[in-house]
Amino acid sequence: MNAHDYSTFVLAAYGISALVLALVGFWLVVDARARRRELQGLEAGGARRRSAAPPR
């Protein structure tokens, strides 16, 4: 067997891995934005974070 037989497999594996990592990164950004909007909506409605000091 020569190196060309393996290079196709290796390059495909690298490509698939890069695609999966890019999709996970994209999903993390989209989900973080959605959670931030959700949190802003809750805070605008009067909800507080548990770590926030109680109002005086």
Protein backbone atom coordinates (compact mmCIF):
# COMPACT_ATOMS: atom_id res chain seq x y z
CA MET A 1 0.00 0.00 0.00
CA ASN A 2 1.19 3.47 -0.70
CA ALA A 3 0.59 6.75 1.10
CA HIS A 4 -2.10 7.82 -1.36
CA ASP A 5 -4.41 5.06 -0.14
CA TYR A 6 -4.34 6.48 3.37
CA SER A 7 -4.22 10.16 2.48
CA THR A 8 -7.77 10.13 1.11
CA PHE A 9 -9.08 8.65 4.35
CA VAL A 10 -7.00 11.00 6.52
CA LEU A 11 -8.02 14.11 4.60
CA ALA A 12 -11.67 13.07 4.71
CA ALA A 13 -11.41 12.49 8.47
CA TYR A 14 -9.81 15.91 8.97
CA GLY A 15 -12.47 17.54 6.81
CA ILE A 16 -15.34 15.90 8.67
CA SER A 17 -13.76 16.79 12.02
CA ALA A 18 -13.32 20.41 10.96
CA LEU A 19 -16.93 20.54 9.77
CA VAL A 20 -18.22 19.11 13.06
CA LEU A 21 -16.13 21.57 15.09
CA ALA A 22 -17.37 24.48 12.97
CA LEU A 23 -20.99 23.37 13.44
CA VAL A 24 -20.53 23.04 17.20
CA GLY A 25 -18.98 26.51 17.35
CA PHE A 26 -21.84 27.94 15.29
CA TRP A 27 -24.40 26.25 17.54
CA LEU A 28 -22.69 27.62 20.66
CA VAL A 29 -22.82 31.18 19.32
CA VAL A 30 -26.47 30.89 18.25
CA ASP A 31 -27.50 29.29 21.55
CA ALA A 32 -25.61 31.87 23.63
CA ARG A 33 -27.40 34.69 21.81
CA ALA A 34 -30.77 33.00 22.39
CA ARG A 35 -30.05 32.52 26.11
CA ARG A 36 -28.94 36.16 26.39
CA ARG A 37 -32.18 37.35 24.77
CA GLU A 38 -34.19 35.04 27.02
CA LEU A 39 -32.40 36.37 30.11
CA GLN A 40 -32.97 39.97 29.04
CA GLY A 41 -36.68 39.24 28.60
CA LEU A 42 -36.90 37.68 32.04
CA GLU A 43 -35.04 40.57 33.66
CA ALA A 44 -37.26 43.08 31.86
CA GLY A 45 -40.28 41.25 33.28
CA GLY A 46 -39.00 41.68 36.82
CA ALA A 47 -37.24 38.36 37.33
CA ARG A 48 -33.90 38.55 39.12
CA ARG A 49 -30.91 36.29 39.15
CA ARG A 50 -30.48 34.21 42.27
CA SER A 51 -27.05 35.71 42.84
CA ALA A 52 -28.42 39.27 42.75
CA ALA A 53 -28.79 41.06 46.05
CA PRO A 54 -32.39 41.33 47.26
CA PRO A 55 -34.00 44.76 46.78
CA ARG A 56 -33.99 47.04 49.83
